Amino acid sequence: MSMNNPYAAYKQNAVNTSSPGELTLMLYNGSLKFIQQARRAIESEDIEAKNEAIQKAQAIVTELMVTLDRSVPIAENMLVLYDFVNNRLIEANIRNDVQMLEEAATIMTEFRDTWKQVIQIQRKKQFGDAEEI
């Protein structure tokens, strides 16, 4: 299949060669992409597309929750926020509520931006001048 779809092959290669930190960043970006797709689907009254996009965003949030290292003190605070995001996604899906999607997106954007800074700091420590992500 990837031979017929170069983009799919590129994406698979990106996942296979990424560090755990970069994979987490991809998850945050993916959740934001699906939240935006859901928002557009609500606005165009495409209920099926909305449901599919929200379920994909929820799957990512669930993955982030499951893989959270709970031995780190801040993990419990993150878990509460992930749970809140998941609940906002559920409610947005039930009520077709764009505002609830925006609340979820705001939190996921904060997580993504913070995680991006962490990766950049780590790269600077490891390699000196880090390239931008």
N, C-alpha and C. Protein backbone atom coordinates (compact mmCIF):
# COMPACT_ATOMS: atom_id res chain seq x y z
N MET A 1 0.82 -1.19 0.00
CA MET A 1 0.00 0.00 0.00
C MET A 1 0.86 1.25 0.00
N SER A 2 1.89 1.29 0.82
CA SER A 2 2.71 2.50 0.88
C SER A 2 3.46 2.73 -0.43
N MET A 3 3.65 1.68 -1.23
CA MET A 3 4.28 1.86 -2.53
C MET A 3 3.39 2.69 -3.44
N ASN A 4 2.07 2.53 -3.29
CA ASN A 4 1.13 3.27 -4.11
C ASN A 4 0.84 4.65 -3.55
N ASN A 5 1.14 4.88 -2.29
CA ASN A 5 0.84 6.15 -1.64
C ASN A 5 2.11 6.69 -0.98
N PRO A 6 2.86 7.51 -1.68
CA PRO A 6 4.11 8.02 -1.12
C PRO A 6 3.92 8.82 0.16
N TYR A 7 2.79 9.52 0.29
CA TYR A 7 2.53 10.29 1.50
C TYR A 7 2.39 9.36 2.70
N ALA A 8 1.68 8.24 2.53
CA ALA A 8 1.53 7.27 3.61
C ALA A 8 2.89 6.68 4.00
N ALA A 9 3.72 6.41 3.01
CA ALA A 9 5.06 5.89 3.29
C ALA A 9 5.89 6.91 4.06
N TYR A 10 5.78 8.19 3.67
CA TYR A 10 6.51 9.25 4.35
C TYR A 10 6.05 9.36 5.81
N LYS A 11 4.72 9.34 6.03
CA LYS A 11 4.19 9.44 7.38
C LYS A 11 4.64 8.26 8.23
N GLN A 12 4.60 7.06 7.67
CA GLN A 12 5.03 5.87 8.41
C GLN A 12 6.51 5.97 8.77
N ASN A 13 7.32 6.45 7.85
CA ASN A 13 8.74 6.61 8.10
C ASN A 13 8.98 7.65 9.18
N ALA A 14 8.21 8.72 9.17
CA ALA A 14 8.35 9.77 10.19
C ALA A 14 8.05 9.20 11.57
N VAL A 15 7.02 8.38 11.67
CA VAL A 15 6.66 7.77 12.95
C VAL A 15 7.75 6.80 13.40
N ASN A 16 8.24 5.99 12.46
CA ASN A 16 9.24 4.97 12.81
C ASN A 16 10.57 5.56 13.25
N THR A 17 10.90 6.75 12.78
CA THR A 17 12.20 7.34 13.10
C THR A 17 12.15 8.45 14.13
N SER A 18 10.99 8.72 14.69
CA SER A 18 10.84 9.81 15.66
C SER A 18 11.18 9.35 17.07
N SER A 19 11.66 10.29 17.86
CA SER A 19 11.92 10.02 19.28
C SER A 19 10.59 9.97 20.02
N PRO A 20 10.58 9.43 21.23
CA PRO A 20 9.34 9.43 22.02
C PRO A 20 8.76 10.85 22.20
N GLY A 21 9.63 11.82 22.41
CA GLY A 21 9.16 13.20 22.55
C GLY A 21 8.50 13.72 21.29
N GLU A 22 9.09 13.40 20.13
CA GLU A 22 8.51 13.83 18.86
C GLU A 22 7.19 13.11 18.60
N LEU A 23 7.08 11.85 19.01
CA LEU A 23 5.83 11.12 18.85
C LEU A 23 4.72 11.76 19.68
N THR A 24 5.07 12.19 20.90
CA THR A 24 4.08 12.86 21.74
C THR A 24 3.63 14.16 21.09
N LEU A 25 4.57 14.89 20.52
CA LEU A 25 4.23 16.13 19.81
C LEU A 25 3.29 15.83 18.64
N MET A 26 3.54 14.74 17.93
CA MET A 26 2.65 14.33 16.83
C MET A 26 1.25 14.03 17.35
N LEU A 27 1.16 13.42 18.52
CA LEU A 27 -0.16 13.14 19.11
C LEU A 27 -0.90 14.43 19.42
N TYR A 28 -0.21 15.40 20.03
CA TYR A 28 -0.86 16.69 20.31
C TYR A 28 -1.34 17.34 19.01
N ASN A 29 -0.48 17.36 18.00
CA ASN A 29 -0.86 17.96 16.72
C ASN A 29 -2.04 17.22 16.08
N GLY A 30 -2.02 15.90 16.18
CA GLY A 30 -3.12 15.12 15.64
C GLY A 30 -4.43 15.42 16.34
N SER A 31 -4.40 15.53 17.66
CA SER A 31 -5.63 15.84 18.39
C SER A 31 -6.18 17.19 17.96
N LEU A 32 -5.31 18.17 17.79
CA LEU A 32 -5.75 19.50 17.37
C LEU A 32 -6.31 19.47 15.95
N LYS A 33 -5.70 18.68 15.09
CA LYS A 33 -6.20 18.55 13.71
C LYS A 33 -7.62 17.97 13.73
N PHE A 34 -7.84 16.94 14.52
CA PHE A 34 -9.17 16.31 14.55
C PHE A 34 -10.20 17.20 15.23
N ILE A 35 -9.80 17.97 16.22
CA ILE A 35 -10.73 18.92 16.85
C ILE A 35 -11.16 19.97 15.83
N GLN A 36 -10.22 20.46 15.02
CA GLN A 36 -10.57 21.44 13.99
C GLN A 36 -11.48 20.84 12.93
N GLN A 37 -11.21 19.58 12.56
CA GLN A 37 -12.09 18.91 11.60
C GLN A 37 -13.50 18.79 12.17
N ALA A 38 -13.60 18.47 13.46
CA ALA A 38 -14.91 18.35 14.10
C ALA A 38 -15.63 19.69 14.11
N ARG A 39 -14.90 20.76 14.39
CA ARG A 39 -15.49 22.09 14.40
C ARG A 39 -16.07 22.44 13.03
N ARG A 40 -15.29 22.18 11.99
CA ARG A 40 -15.77 22.46 10.63
C ARG A 40 -16.99 21.58 10.30
N ALA A 41 -16.96 20.33 10.76
CA ALA A 41 -18.09 19.42 10.49
C ALA A 41 -19.36 19.89 11.20
N ILE A 42 -19.22 20.39 12.43
CA ILE A 42 -20.39 20.93 13.13
C ILE A 42 -20.94 22.12 12.37
N GLU A 43 -20.05 23.00 11.95
CA GLU A 43 -20.48 24.21 11.24
C GLU A 43 -21.17 23.87 9.91
N SER A 44 -20.76 22.77 9.28
CA SER A 44 -21.39 22.38 8.01
C SER A 44 -22.49 21.33 8.22
N GLU A 45 -22.78 21.06 9.49
CA GLU A 45 -23.84 20.12 9.87
C GLU A 45 -23.61 18.71 9.32
N ASP A 46 -22.34 18.31 9.26
CA ASP A 46 -21.98 16.95 8.83
C ASP A 46 -21.75 16.13 10.10
N ILE A 47 -22.82 15.55 10.60
CA ILE A 47 -22.80 14.86 11.89
C ILE A 47 -21.87 13.64 11.86
N GLU A 48 -21.86 12.92 10.76
CA GLU A 48 -21.01 11.74 10.67
C GLU A 48 -19.52 12.12 10.73
N ALA A 49 -19.14 13.14 9.99
CA ALA A 49 -17.74 13.58 10.00
C ALA A 49 -17.36 14.14 11.37
N LYS A 50 -18.30 14.86 12.00
CA LYS A 50 -18.05 15.39 13.35
C LYS A 50 -17.76 14.27 14.32
N ASN A 51 -18.62 13.25 14.31
CA ASN A 51 -18.48 12.13 15.22
C ASN A 51 -17.15 11.40 14.99
N GLU A 52 -16.81 11.18 13.74
CA GLU A 52 -15.56 10.48 13.42
C GLU A 52 -14.34 11.27 13.89
N ALA A 53 -14.34 12.57 13.64
CA ALA A 53 -13.20 13.41 14.04
C ALA A 53 -13.08 13.48 15.56
N ILE A 54 -14.19 13.62 16.26
CA ILE A 54 -14.14 13.69 17.72
C ILE A 54 -13.67 12.36 18.29
N GLN A 55 -14.12 11.25 17.72
CA GLN A 55 -13.67 9.95 18.22
C GLN A 55 -12.16 9.78 18.02
N LYS A 56 -11.63 10.28 16.92
CA LYS A 56 -10.18 10.21 16.69
C LYS A 56 -9.44 11.08 17.71
N ALA A 57 -9.96 12.27 17.98
CA ALA A 57 -9.33 13.13 19.00
C ALA A 57 -9.39 12.46 20.36
N GLN A 58 -10.52 11.84 20.69
CA GLN A 58 -10.65 11.14 21.97
C GLN A 58 -9.66 9.97 22.07
N ALA A 59 -9.46 9.26 20.98
CA ALA A 59 -8.52 8.14 20.99
C ALA A 59 -7.11 8.63 21.31
N ILE A 60 -6.76 9.78 20.78
CA ILE A 60 -5.44 10.35 21.06
C ILE A 60 -5.34 10.77 22.52
N VAL A 61 -6.35 11.44 23.03
CA VAL A 61 -6.34 11.86 24.43
C VAL A 61 -6.26 10.64 25.34
N THR A 62 -6.99 9.59 25.01
CA THR A 62 -6.93 8.35 25.79
C THR A 62 -5.53 7.76 25.76
N GLU A 63 -4.90 7.76 24.61
CA GLU A 63 -3.52 7.26 24.50
C GLU A 63 -2.57 8.09 25.38
N LEU A 64 -2.74 9.40 25.37
CA LEU A 64 -1.91 10.25 26.23
C LEU A 64 -2.15 9.94 27.71
N MET A 65 -3.39 9.66 28.06
CA MET A 65 -3.71 9.33 29.46
C MET A 65 -3.09 8.00 29.87
N VAL A 66 -3.20 7.01 29.01
CA VAL A 66 -2.72 5.66 29.31
C VAL A 66 -1.20 5.62 29.42
N THR A 67 -0.52 6.39 28.59
CA THR A 67 0.94 6.36 28.56
C THR A 67 1.59 7.36 29.51
N LEU A 68 0.80 8.09 30.25
CA LEU A 68 1.32 9.09 31.18
C LEU A 68 2.14 8.40 32.28
N ASP A 69 3.34 8.89 32.52
CA ASP A 69 4.21 8.35 33.57
C ASP A 69 3.74 8.91 34.91
N ARG A 70 3.02 8.09 35.64
CA ARG A 70 2.41 8.56 36.89
C ARG A 70 3.40 8.69 38.04
N SER A 71 4.65 8.29 37.81
CA SER A 71 5.65 8.46 38.86
C SER A 71 6.14 9.91 38.94
N VAL A 72 5.84 10.69 37.92
CA VAL A 72 6.22 12.10 37.88
C VAL A 72 5.13 12.89 38.60
N PRO A 73 5.51 13.77 39.54
CA PRO A 73 4.50 14.48 40.34
C PRO A 73 3.45 15.24 39.53
N ILE A 74 3.83 15.84 38.44
CA ILE A 74 2.88 16.65 37.66
C ILE A 74 1.88 15.78 36.89
N ALA A 75 2.14 14.50 36.81
CA ALA A 75 1.30 13.60 36.01
C ALA A 75 -0.16 13.62 36.46
N GLU A 76 -0.41 13.68 37.74
CA GLU A 76 -1.79 13.68 38.21
C GLU A 76 -2.54 14.93 37.74
N ASN A 77 -1.85 16.07 37.72
CA ASN A 77 -2.47 17.30 37.22
C ASN A 77 -2.75 17.18 35.72
N MET A 78 -1.82 16.58 35.00
CA MET A 78 -2.02 16.38 33.57
C MET A 78 -3.20 15.44 33.32
N LEU A 79 -3.29 14.40 34.12
CA LEU A 79 -4.37 13.43 33.98
C LEU A 79 -5.73 14.10 34.15
N VAL A 80 -5.82 14.98 35.13
CA VAL A 80 -7.08 15.71 35.35
C VAL A 80 -7.42 16.55 34.12
N LEU A 81 -6.43 17.22 33.55
CA LEU A 81 -6.68 18.04 32.36
C LEU A 81 -7.04 17.19 31.15
N TYR A 82 -6.35 16.07 30.97
CA TYR A 82 -6.71 15.16 29.87
C TYR A 82 -8.15 14.67 30.04
N ASP A 83 -8.52 14.34 31.27
CA ASP A 83 -9.88 13.87 31.53
C ASP A 83 -10.89 14.97 31.21
N PHE A 84 -10.56 16.20 31.57
CA PHE A 84 -11.44 17.33 31.26
C PHE A 84 -11.59 17.48 29.74
N VAL A 85 -10.47 17.39 29.02
CA VAL A 85 -10.52 17.50 27.56
C VAL A 85 -11.40 16.39 26.98
N ASN A 86 -11.21 15.19 27.48
CA ASN A 86 -12.01 14.06 26.99
C ASN A 86 -13.50 14.31 27.24
N ASN A 87 -13.84 14.81 28.42
CA ASN A 87 -15.24 15.12 28.73
C ASN A 87 -15.79 16.24 27.84
N ARG A 88 -14.97 17.24 27.56
CA ARG A 88 -15.41 18.31 26.65
C ARG A 88 -15.69 17.74 25.27
N LEU A 89 -14.85 16.83 24.82
CA LEU A 89 -15.05 16.21 23.50
C LEU A 89 -16.34 15.41 23.47
N ILE A 90 -16.59 14.66 24.53
CA ILE A 90 -17.83 13.88 24.61
C ILE A 90 -19.05 14.81 24.56
N GLU A 91 -19.02 15.84 25.38
CA GLU A 91 -20.15 16.79 25.42
C GLU A 91 -20.30 17.53 24.09
N ALA A 92 -19.20 17.90 23.47
CA ALA A 92 -19.26 18.58 22.17
C ALA A 92 -19.91 17.67 21.14
N ASN A 93 -19.60 16.39 21.21
CA ASN A 93 -20.17 15.44 20.27
C ASN A 93 -21.67 15.29 20.49
N ILE A 94 -22.07 15.20 21.74
CA ILE A 94 -23.49 15.05 22.07
C ILE A 94 -24.29 16.29 21.70
N ARG A 95 -23.74 17.46 22.02
CA ARG A 95 -24.48 18.72 21.88
C ARG A 95 -24.18 19.50 20.60
N ASN A 96 -23.23 18.99 19.80
CA ASN A 96 -22.80 19.74 18.60
C ASN A 96 -22.34 21.14 18.99
N ASP A 97 -21.49 21.21 20.01
CA ASP A 97 -21.11 22.47 20.62
C ASP A 97 -19.66 22.84 20.26
N VAL A 98 -19.53 23.85 19.42
CA VAL A 98 -18.22 24.32 18.99
C VAL A 98 -17.43 24.90 20.16
N GLN A 99 -18.10 25.57 21.09
CA GLN A 99 -17.42 26.18 22.24
C GLN A 99 -16.70 25.12 23.07
N MET A 100 -17.31 23.97 23.25
CA MET A 100 -16.66 22.90 24.01
C MET A 100 -15.44 22.37 23.27
N LEU A 101 -15.52 22.33 21.96
CA LEU A 101 -14.34 21.94 21.17
C LEU A 101 -13.22 22.96 21.35
N GLU A 102 -13.58 24.23 21.39
CA GLU A 102 -12.57 25.28 21.57
C GLU A 102 -11.89 25.16 22.94
N GLU A 103 -12.68 24.81 23.96
CA GLU A 103 -12.09 24.61 25.29
C GLU A 103 -11.07 23.46 25.26
N ALA A 104 -11.44 22.38 24.60
CA ALA A 104 -10.53 21.24 24.48
C ALA A 104 -9.29 21.64 23.68
N ALA A 105 -9.49 22.37 22.60
CA ALA A 105 -8.37 22.79 21.75
C ALA A 105 -7.42 23.71 22.50
N THR A 106 -7.96 24.59 23.32
CA THR A 106 -7.11 25.52 24.08
C THR A 106 -6.16 24.75 25.01
N ILE A 107 -6.68 23.77 25.70
CA ILE A 107 -5.84 22.98 26.61
C ILE A 107 -4.82 22.17 25.83
N MET A 108 -5.25 21.53 24.75
CA MET A 108 -4.33 20.72 23.96
C MET A 108 -3.25 21.58 23.30
N THR A 109 -3.61 22.80 22.94
CA THR A 109 -2.62 23.72 22.37
C THR A 109 -1.57 24.08 23.42
N GLU A 110 -2.00 24.32 24.65
CA GLU A 110 -1.06 24.62 25.73
C GLU A 110 -0.11 23.44 25.96
N PHE A 111 -0.67 22.24 26.00
CA PHE A 111 0.17 21.05 26.16
C PHE A 111 1.17 20.94 25.00
N ARG A 112 0.68 21.12 23.79
CA ARG A 112 1.54 21.00 22.61
C ARG A 112 2.66 22.02 22.62
N ASP A 113 2.31 23.27 22.91
CA ASP A 113 3.32 24.33 22.90
C ASP A 113 4.36 24.11 23.99
N THR A 114 3.92 23.68 25.16
CA THR A 114 4.85 23.39 26.26
C THR A 114 5.74 22.22 25.88
N TRP A 115 5.16 21.18 25.31
CA TRP A 115 5.94 20.00 24.93
C TRP A 115 6.98 20.37 23.87
N LYS A 116 6.60 21.22 22.95
CA LYS A 116 7.52 21.68 21.90
C LYS A 116 8.71 22.40 22.52
N GLN A 117 8.46 23.23 23.54
CA GLN A 117 9.54 23.93 24.23
C GLN A 117 10.45 22.94 24.94
N VAL A 118 9.87 21.91 25.55
CA VAL A 118 10.67 20.90 26.25
C VAL A 118 11.61 20.20 25.26
N ILE A 119 11.09 19.84 24.09
CA ILE A 119 11.91 19.18 23.08
C ILE A 119 13.04 20.10 22.64
N GLN A 120 12.74 21.37 22.42
CA GLN A 120 13.76 22.32 21.99
C GLN A 120 14.85 22.49 23.06
N ILE A 121 14.45 22.55 24.32
CA ILE A 121 15.42 22.66 25.42
C ILE A 121 16.30 21.42 25.46
N GLN A 122 15.69 20.25 25.32
CA GLN A 122 16.44 18.99 25.33
C GLN A 122 17.44 18.95 24.18
N ARG A 123 17.01 19.39 23.01
CA ARG A 123 17.91 19.39 21.85
C ARG A 123 19.09 20.34 22.06
N LYS A 124 18.81 21.50 22.67
CA LYS A 124 19.89 22.44 22.94
C LYS A 124 20.90 21.85 23.91
N LYS A 125 20.39 21.14 24.92
CA LYS A 125 21.29 20.49 25.87
C LYS A 125 22.10 19.40 25.20
N GLN A 126 21.45 18.67 24.30
CA GLN A 126 22.10 17.54 23.67
C GLN A 126 23.02 17.95 22.53
N PHE A 127 22.58 18.88 21.70
CA PHE A 127 23.32 19.20 20.47
C PHE A 127 23.84 20.63 20.40
N GLY A 128 23.62 21.42 21.41
CA GLY A 128 24.00 22.82 21.33
C GLY A 128 22.88 23.61 20.71
N ASP A 129 23.11 24.22 19.57
CA ASP A 129 22.06 24.98 18.87
C ASP A 129 21.10 24.01 18.22
N ALA A 130 19.88 23.98 18.73
CA ALA A 130 18.86 23.06 18.18
C ALA A 130 18.15 23.73 17.02
N GLU A 131 17.80 22.91 16.07
CA GLU A 131 16.99 23.44 14.97
C GLU A 131 15.54 23.55 15.43
N GLU A 132 14.82 24.46 14.84
CA GLU A 132 13.42 24.66 15.20
C GLU A 132 12.58 23.47 14.76
N ILE A 133 11.55 23.20 15.55
CA ILE A 133 10.62 22.11 15.20
C ILE A 133 9.52 22.67 14.34
